[in-house]
N, C-alpha and C. Protein backbone atom coordinates (compact mmCIF):
# COMPACT_ATOMS: atom_id res chain seq x y z
N MET A 1 0.86 -1.29 -0.01
CA MET A 1 -0.01 -0.03 -0.08
C MET A 1 1.00 1.23 -0.03
N ASP A 2 2.04 1.24 0.67
CA ASP A 2 2.97 2.35 0.58
C ASP A 2 3.19 2.83 -0.75
N GLU A 3 3.42 1.88 -1.78
CA GLU A 3 3.80 2.33 -3.20
C GLU A 3 2.85 3.06 -3.83
N LEU A 4 1.41 3.04 -3.31
CA LEU A 4 0.32 3.65 -3.97
C LEU A 4 -0.05 5.05 -3.22
N ALA A 5 0.60 5.29 -2.09
CA ALA A 5 0.26 6.35 -1.11
C ALA A 5 0.13 7.70 -1.90
N ASP A 6 0.90 7.90 -2.80
CA ASP A 6 0.84 9.37 -3.48
C ASP A 6 -0.34 9.30 -4.52
N CYS A 7 -0.93 8.24 -4.92
CA CYS A 7 -1.95 8.17 -5.82
C CYS A 7 -3.33 8.12 -5.14
N VAL A 8 -3.31 7.95 -3.94
CA VAL A 8 -4.72 7.53 -3.21
C VAL A 8 -5.11 8.83 -2.53
N GLU A 9 -6.27 9.23 -3.05
CA GLU A 9 -7.03 10.37 -2.38
C GLU A 9 -7.87 9.91 -1.17
N HIS A 10 -8.50 8.81 -1.34
CA HIS A 10 -9.51 8.28 -0.32
C HIS A 10 -9.41 6.91 -0.15
N ARG A 11 -9.28 6.40 0.98
CA ARG A 11 -9.36 4.84 1.24
C ARG A 11 -10.53 4.64 2.09
N ILE A 12 -11.25 3.67 1.67
CA ILE A 12 -12.60 3.30 2.29
C ILE A 12 -12.67 1.77 2.89
N PRO A 13 -12.66 1.73 4.14
CA PRO A 13 -12.66 0.45 4.78
C PRO A 13 -14.00 -0.33 4.37
N LYS A 14 -13.98 -1.62 4.23
CA LYS A 14 -15.22 -2.45 3.95
C LYS A 14 -15.33 -3.63 4.65
N ASN A 15 -16.44 -4.10 4.73
CA ASN A 15 -16.57 -5.42 5.56
C ASN A 15 -17.26 -6.47 4.75
N SER A 16 -17.15 -6.36 3.37
CA SER A 16 -17.81 -7.29 2.62
C SER A 16 -17.15 -7.36 1.30
N THR A 17 -17.58 -8.02 0.32
CA THR A 17 -16.77 -8.13 -1.00
C THR A 17 -17.19 -7.01 -1.84
N ASN A 18 -18.07 -6.13 -1.48
CA ASN A 18 -18.50 -5.04 -2.29
C ASN A 18 -18.31 -3.79 -1.66
N THR A 19 -17.43 -2.92 -1.96
CA THR A 19 -17.34 -1.63 -1.46
C THR A 19 -18.56 -0.71 -1.66
N PHE A 20 -19.24 -0.95 -2.70
CA PHE A 20 -20.36 -0.12 -2.90
C PHE A 20 -21.29 -0.01 -1.81
N PHE A 21 -21.46 -1.09 -0.86
CA PHE A 21 -22.32 -1.02 0.06
C PHE A 21 -21.69 -0.65 1.43
N ALA A 22 -20.46 -0.20 1.39
CA ALA A 22 -19.81 0.18 2.61
C ALA A 22 -20.40 1.46 3.22
N PRO A 23 -20.58 1.72 4.37
CA PRO A 23 -21.34 2.84 4.86
C PRO A 23 -20.37 4.14 4.46
N ASP A 24 -19.08 4.08 4.57
CA ASP A 24 -18.21 5.04 4.36
C ASP A 24 -18.13 5.64 2.94
N PHE A 25 -18.25 4.46 2.15
CA PHE A 25 -18.41 4.86 0.71
C PHE A 25 -19.68 5.46 0.45
N GLN A 26 -20.98 5.14 0.91
CA GLN A 26 -21.98 5.64 0.64
C GLN A 26 -22.07 7.23 0.98
N VAL A 27 -21.51 7.48 2.20
CA VAL A 27 -21.39 8.72 2.51
C VAL A 27 -20.42 9.53 1.51
N PHE A 28 -19.28 9.03 1.32
CA PHE A 28 -18.36 9.65 0.30
C PHE A 28 -19.05 9.96 -1.02
N LEU A 29 -19.78 8.97 -1.56
CA LEU A 29 -20.66 9.07 -2.84
C LEU A 29 -21.59 10.21 -2.85
N GLN A 30 -22.25 10.37 -1.70
CA GLN A 30 -23.29 11.56 -1.57
C GLN A 30 -22.59 12.79 -1.32
N GLU A 31 -21.36 12.85 -0.55
CA GLU A 31 -20.97 14.20 -0.22
C GLU A 31 -19.88 14.64 -1.26
N GLN A 32 -19.23 13.72 -1.92
CA GLN A 32 -18.15 14.11 -2.86
C GLN A 32 -18.11 13.48 -4.12
N GLY A 33 -19.02 12.50 -4.35
CA GLY A 33 -19.03 11.72 -5.69
C GLY A 33 -19.16 12.61 -6.79
N SER A 34 -19.87 13.67 -6.69
CA SER A 34 -20.14 14.46 -7.91
C SER A 34 -18.93 15.20 -8.46
N GLN A 35 -17.83 15.17 -7.53
CA GLN A 35 -16.60 15.92 -8.05
C GLN A 35 -15.57 14.98 -9.01
N TYR A 36 -16.03 13.78 -9.15
CA TYR A 36 -15.11 12.73 -10.00
C TYR A 36 -16.00 12.26 -11.11
N HIS A 37 -15.22 12.41 -12.30
CA HIS A 37 -15.96 11.94 -13.48
C HIS A 37 -15.29 10.58 -13.62
N ASP A 38 -14.10 10.23 -13.43
CA ASP A 38 -13.49 9.01 -13.58
C ASP A 38 -13.14 8.24 -12.39
N TRP A 39 -13.55 7.10 -12.28
CA TRP A 39 -13.63 6.24 -11.00
C TRP A 39 -12.69 4.90 -11.32
N VAL A 40 -11.69 4.93 -10.95
CA VAL A 40 -10.56 3.88 -11.22
C VAL A 40 -10.62 2.90 -10.10
N ILE A 41 -10.82 1.57 -10.55
CA ILE A 41 -11.02 0.56 -9.40
C ILE A 41 -9.77 -0.57 -9.85
N THR A 42 -9.11 -0.75 -8.65
CA THR A 42 -8.02 -1.78 -8.71
C THR A 42 -8.39 -2.70 -7.59
N GLY A 43 -7.53 -3.81 -7.59
CA GLY A 43 -7.56 -4.54 -6.31
C GLY A 43 -7.50 -6.12 -6.73
N CYS A 44 -7.96 -6.88 -5.79
CA CYS A 44 -7.85 -8.37 -5.68
C CYS A 44 -9.27 -8.65 -5.01
N CYS A 45 -9.93 -9.54 -5.29
CA CYS A 45 -9.88 -10.45 -6.25
C CYS A 45 -10.77 -10.00 -7.41
N THR A 46 -10.26 -9.99 -8.76
CA THR A 46 -10.91 -9.50 -9.97
C THR A 46 -12.25 -10.02 -9.97
N ASP A 47 -12.39 -11.29 -9.82
CA ASP A 47 -13.82 -11.88 -10.17
C ASP A 47 -14.66 -11.87 -8.82
N ILE A 48 -14.32 -11.24 -7.79
CA ILE A 48 -15.23 -11.08 -6.67
C ILE A 48 -15.38 -9.65 -6.20
N CYS A 49 -14.49 -9.08 -5.53
CA CYS A 49 -14.45 -7.78 -5.09
C CYS A 49 -14.43 -6.60 -6.21
N VAL A 50 -13.50 -6.66 -7.14
CA VAL A 50 -13.55 -5.82 -8.22
C VAL A 50 -14.70 -5.75 -8.93
N LEU A 51 -15.16 -7.04 -9.36
CA LEU A 51 -16.37 -7.18 -10.32
C LEU A 51 -17.58 -6.71 -9.58
N GLN A 52 -17.91 -7.06 -8.46
CA GLN A 52 -18.93 -6.48 -7.85
C GLN A 52 -19.04 -5.09 -7.70
N PHE A 53 -17.95 -4.49 -7.31
CA PHE A 53 -17.91 -2.95 -7.07
C PHE A 53 -18.00 -2.29 -8.40
N ALA A 54 -17.29 -2.78 -9.44
CA ALA A 54 -17.48 -2.09 -10.71
C ALA A 54 -18.90 -2.06 -11.33
N LEU A 55 -19.51 -3.42 -11.18
CA LEU A 55 -20.86 -3.48 -11.63
C LEU A 55 -21.83 -2.61 -11.02
N ALA A 56 -21.77 -2.52 -9.62
CA ALA A 56 -22.62 -1.94 -8.65
C ALA A 56 -22.57 -0.35 -9.02
N LEU A 57 -21.28 0.16 -9.15
CA LEU A 57 -21.05 1.45 -9.43
C LEU A 57 -21.60 1.90 -10.69
N LYS A 58 -21.19 1.08 -11.69
CA LYS A 58 -21.70 1.32 -13.07
C LYS A 58 -23.16 1.47 -13.14
N ALA A 59 -23.87 0.49 -12.44
CA ALA A 59 -25.29 0.48 -12.48
C ALA A 59 -25.94 1.61 -11.71
N PHE A 60 -25.19 2.10 -10.75
CA PHE A 60 -25.62 3.39 -9.89
C PHE A 60 -25.66 4.53 -10.91
N PHE A 61 -24.43 4.77 -11.59
CA PHE A 61 -24.40 5.77 -12.54
C PHE A 61 -25.35 5.74 -13.61
N ASN A 62 -25.60 4.54 -13.99
CA ASN A 62 -26.75 4.54 -15.27
C ASN A 62 -28.05 4.91 -14.56
N GLN A 63 -28.48 4.26 -13.39
CA GLN A 63 -29.86 4.52 -12.95
C GLN A 63 -29.89 6.09 -12.64
N THR A 64 -28.82 6.66 -12.20
CA THR A 64 -28.96 8.08 -11.74
C THR A 64 -28.68 8.99 -12.92
N GLU A 65 -28.45 8.32 -14.03
CA GLU A 65 -27.99 9.22 -15.40
C GLU A 65 -26.96 10.14 -15.13
N GLN A 66 -25.87 9.66 -14.43
CA GLN A 66 -24.69 10.49 -14.20
C GLN A 66 -23.73 10.01 -15.26
N ASP A 67 -23.17 10.89 -15.95
CA ASP A 67 -21.98 10.80 -17.01
C ASP A 67 -20.78 10.42 -16.22
N ARG A 68 -20.51 9.32 -15.88
CA ARG A 68 -19.24 8.99 -15.16
C ARG A 68 -18.61 7.83 -15.70
N ARG A 69 -17.31 7.60 -15.69
CA ARG A 69 -16.61 6.47 -16.22
C ARG A 69 -16.16 5.56 -15.06
N VAL A 70 -16.35 4.33 -15.10
CA VAL A 70 -15.74 3.43 -14.26
C VAL A 70 -14.60 2.82 -15.11
N ILE A 71 -13.47 2.88 -14.66
CA ILE A 71 -12.26 2.35 -15.36
C ILE A 71 -11.56 1.17 -14.47
N VAL A 72 -11.24 0.07 -15.07
CA VAL A 72 -10.52 -1.01 -14.52
C VAL A 72 -9.26 -1.21 -15.41
N PRO A 73 -7.91 -0.85 -14.74
CA PRO A 73 -6.86 -1.17 -15.53
C PRO A 73 -6.52 -2.77 -15.14
N ALA A 74 -6.54 -3.61 -16.14
CA ALA A 74 -6.38 -4.85 -15.99
C ALA A 74 -5.05 -5.24 -15.22
N ASP A 75 -3.95 -4.34 -15.47
CA ASP A 75 -2.61 -4.80 -14.98
C ASP A 75 -2.51 -4.50 -13.45
N CYS A 76 -3.85 -3.82 -12.93
CA CYS A 76 -3.91 -3.40 -11.42
C CYS A 76 -4.82 -4.26 -10.72
N THR A 77 -5.15 -5.41 -11.42
CA THR A 77 -6.10 -6.34 -10.81
C THR A 77 -5.60 -7.83 -10.84
N ALA A 78 -6.10 -8.63 -9.94
CA ALA A 78 -5.36 -9.96 -9.95
C ALA A 78 -6.51 -10.98 -9.26
N THR A 79 -6.55 -12.21 -9.40
CA THR A 79 -7.14 -13.21 -8.52
C THR A 79 -6.34 -14.37 -8.28
N TYR A 80 -6.90 -15.24 -7.44
CA TYR A 80 -6.14 -16.21 -7.09
C TYR A 80 -6.27 -17.62 -7.85
N HIS A 81 -5.32 -18.46 -7.85
CA HIS A 81 -5.45 -19.83 -8.60
C HIS A 81 -5.33 -20.88 -7.47
N MET A 82 -6.28 -21.92 -7.48
CA MET A 82 -6.04 -23.17 -6.64
C MET A 82 -6.43 -24.22 -7.63
N ASP A 83 -5.50 -25.14 -7.80
CA ASP A 83 -5.88 -26.34 -8.64
C ASP A 83 -7.03 -26.99 -8.32
N GLU A 84 -8.05 -27.16 -9.34
CA GLU A 84 -9.15 -28.02 -9.24
C GLU A 84 -10.15 -27.20 -8.43
N ILE A 85 -10.02 -25.92 -7.92
CA ILE A 85 -10.94 -25.26 -7.17
C ILE A 85 -11.35 -23.90 -7.86
N HIS A 86 -10.23 -23.25 -8.10
CA HIS A 86 -10.54 -21.89 -8.82
C HIS A 86 -9.43 -21.50 -9.74
N ASP A 87 -9.80 -21.68 -11.17
CA ASP A 87 -8.91 -21.57 -12.23
C ASP A 87 -8.76 -19.93 -12.36
N GLY A 88 -7.52 -19.38 -11.80
CA GLY A 88 -7.28 -18.03 -11.83
C GLY A 88 -7.36 -17.30 -13.19
N PRO A 89 -6.59 -17.82 -14.11
CA PRO A 89 -6.56 -17.21 -15.32
C PRO A 89 -8.00 -17.19 -16.00
N PHE A 90 -8.75 -18.33 -15.76
CA PHE A 90 -10.15 -18.35 -16.44
C PHE A 90 -10.82 -17.26 -15.87
N TRP A 91 -10.97 -17.20 -14.51
CA TRP A 91 -11.78 -16.24 -13.68
C TRP A 91 -11.36 -14.81 -14.01
N GLN A 92 -10.03 -14.71 -14.14
CA GLN A 92 -9.53 -13.25 -14.40
C GLN A 92 -10.10 -12.69 -15.66
N LYS A 93 -9.91 -13.55 -16.74
CA LYS A 93 -10.48 -13.20 -18.10
C LYS A 93 -12.08 -13.04 -18.00
N THR A 94 -12.68 -13.89 -17.40
CA THR A 94 -14.13 -13.81 -17.39
C THR A 94 -14.60 -12.60 -16.76
N ALA A 95 -14.08 -12.32 -15.43
CA ALA A 95 -14.64 -11.06 -14.91
C ALA A 95 -14.14 -9.79 -15.58
N LEU A 96 -13.08 -9.67 -16.46
CA LEU A 96 -12.78 -8.54 -17.16
C LEU A 96 -13.86 -8.48 -18.38
N ASP A 97 -14.08 -9.55 -18.96
CA ASP A 97 -15.06 -9.68 -20.00
C ASP A 97 -16.38 -9.25 -19.40
N LEU A 98 -16.88 -9.52 -18.28
CA LEU A 98 -18.12 -9.32 -17.84
C LEU A 98 -18.32 -7.76 -17.58
N MET A 99 -17.16 -7.14 -17.12
CA MET A 99 -17.16 -5.62 -16.78
C MET A 99 -17.30 -5.02 -18.11
N LYS A 100 -16.56 -5.51 -19.13
CA LYS A 100 -16.65 -4.74 -20.50
C LYS A 100 -18.01 -4.80 -20.99
N ALA A 101 -18.61 -5.98 -20.87
CA ALA A 101 -19.99 -6.27 -21.48
C ALA A 101 -21.06 -5.16 -20.70
N ALA A 102 -20.60 -4.89 -19.46
CA ALA A 102 -21.59 -4.05 -18.80
C ALA A 102 -21.29 -2.49 -18.85
N GLY A 103 -20.19 -2.28 -19.74
CA GLY A 103 -19.90 -0.66 -20.10
C GLY A 103 -18.86 -0.23 -19.22
N VAL A 104 -18.19 -1.08 -18.37
CA VAL A 104 -17.01 -0.63 -17.67
C VAL A 104 -15.82 -0.47 -18.57
N LEU A 105 -14.95 0.52 -18.55
CA LEU A 105 -13.91 0.79 -19.34
C LEU A 105 -12.72 -0.07 -18.94
N VAL A 106 -12.69 -1.27 -19.48
CA VAL A 106 -11.31 -2.14 -19.06
C VAL A 106 -10.35 -1.86 -20.03
N VAL A 107 -9.18 -1.41 -19.29
CA VAL A 107 -7.98 -1.05 -20.11
C VAL A 107 -6.88 -1.84 -19.71
N ASP A 108 -5.87 -2.02 -20.62
CA ASP A 108 -4.67 -2.74 -20.18
C ASP A 108 -3.90 -2.26 -19.01
N ALA A 109 -3.73 -0.91 -19.08
CA ALA A 109 -3.04 -0.11 -18.11
C ALA A 109 -3.30 1.28 -18.13
N ILE A 110 -2.98 2.13 -17.04
CA ILE A 110 -3.03 3.49 -17.11
C ILE A 110 -1.69 4.06 -17.20
N VAL A 111 -1.24 4.44 -18.31
CA VAL A 111 0.31 4.99 -18.48
C VAL A 111 0.26 6.33 -18.24
N ASP A 112 -0.80 7.19 -18.40
CA ASP A 112 -0.95 8.46 -18.22
C ASP A 112 -2.06 8.95 -17.53
N THR A 113 -2.05 9.88 -16.68
CA THR A 113 -3.11 10.12 -15.87
C THR A 113 -3.87 11.32 -16.36
N ASP A 114 -3.37 11.95 -17.46
CA ASP A 114 -4.09 13.07 -18.09
C ASP A 114 -5.57 12.48 -18.54
N PRO A 115 -6.62 12.95 -17.96
CA PRO A 115 -7.98 12.54 -18.37
C PRO A 115 -8.25 12.67 -19.87
N GLU A 116 -7.50 13.72 -20.43
CA GLU A 116 -7.81 13.79 -21.94
C GLU A 116 -7.24 12.62 -22.73
N LYS A 117 -6.19 12.05 -22.17
CA LYS A 117 -5.67 10.92 -22.97
C LYS A 117 -6.19 9.65 -22.76
N ILE A 118 -7.14 9.64 -21.76
CA ILE A 118 -7.97 8.22 -21.48
C ILE A 118 -9.21 8.27 -22.44
N PRO A 119 -9.40 7.24 -23.08
CA PRO A 119 -10.66 7.31 -24.22
C PRO A 119 -11.91 7.55 -23.42
N ALA A 120 -12.72 8.43 -24.08
CA ALA A 120 -14.10 8.74 -23.50
C ALA A 120 -14.89 7.58 -23.56
N ALA A 121 -15.75 7.28 -22.57
CA ALA A 121 -16.71 6.04 -22.70
C ALA A 121 -17.51 6.25 -24.09
N GLY A 122 -17.72 5.25 -24.84
CA GLY A 122 -18.36 5.26 -26.09
C GLY A 122 -17.64 5.84 -27.22
N SER A 123 -16.40 6.30 -27.08
CA SER A 123 -15.67 6.88 -28.20
C SER A 123 -15.18 5.49 -29.02
N GLN A 124 -14.68 5.80 -30.22
CA GLN A 124 -14.06 4.67 -31.02
C GLN A 124 -13.08 4.08 -30.27
N GLU A 125 -12.07 4.85 -29.79
CA GLU A 125 -11.03 4.23 -29.13
C GLU A 125 -11.38 3.52 -27.89
N SER A 126 -12.22 3.92 -27.06
CA SER A 126 -12.85 3.16 -26.01
C SER A 126 -13.41 1.79 -26.50
N LYS A 127 -14.14 1.96 -27.50
CA LYS A 127 -14.77 0.66 -28.01
C LYS A 127 -13.53 -0.23 -28.59
N LYS A 128 -12.63 0.30 -29.19
CA LYS A 128 -11.57 -0.43 -29.65
C LYS A 128 -10.97 -1.34 -28.66
N ASN A 129 -10.65 -0.44 -27.55
CA ASN A 129 -9.97 -1.03 -26.35
C ASN A 129 -10.76 -2.04 -25.56
N SER A 130 -12.12 -1.76 -25.46
CA SER A 130 -12.93 -2.77 -24.82
C SER A 130 -13.13 -4.14 -25.62
N GLU A 131 -12.89 -3.90 -27.02
CA GLU A 131 -13.31 -5.10 -27.75
C GLU A 131 -12.07 -6.02 -27.92
N THR A 132 -10.73 -5.51 -27.62
CA THR A 132 -9.58 -6.22 -27.92
C THR A 132 -9.00 -6.73 -26.61
N GLU A 133 -8.66 -7.91 -26.65
CA GLU A 133 -8.13 -8.69 -25.34
C GLU A 133 -6.94 -7.92 -24.83
N ASP A 134 -5.94 -7.67 -25.75
CA ASP A 134 -4.78 -6.98 -25.36
C ASP A 134 -4.17 -6.24 -26.49
N THR A 135 -4.29 -4.91 -26.33
CA THR A 135 -3.97 -4.13 -27.60
C THR A 135 -2.41 -4.05 -27.50
N GLY A 136 -1.75 -4.26 -26.34
CA GLY A 136 -0.40 -4.08 -26.24
C GLY A 136 0.18 -2.66 -26.06
N GLU A 137 -0.86 -1.65 -26.22
CA GLU A 137 -0.43 -0.38 -26.20
C GLU A 137 -0.62 0.31 -24.83
N GLY A 138 -1.46 -0.25 -23.93
CA GLY A 138 -1.66 0.32 -22.54
C GLY A 138 -2.37 1.73 -22.77
N ASN A 139 -3.39 1.85 -21.93
CA ASN A 139 -4.19 3.19 -22.13
C ASN A 139 -4.11 3.93 -20.92
């Protein structure tokens, strides 16, 4: 966590697999959420915590007709692998594909934090990135 300290504006504790339902997040969303256009989600497990939070947040923005982007950089997510129990590579890909299908902007990486250089949701560049498994370009 120390490596990310300079990048983190808010840290929300949670007691479930879905941060969206954390009381502190709900307060943050109501009090300060309108200040943010881009919501970048990272973490583990991609197929549990990241997936649930990204889908809930995207659904909330859709329901409330807010023009916000939910962005998941694939290189900042991971899941676990246990032989014969949990196929990590399969569930990693499946979770990223499910998020893409729901309108979450899944990118290989964020290499530039300038919002102007991250493709706008619905743009041709955004569609290209969400339709390709690995562009090799990093967004």
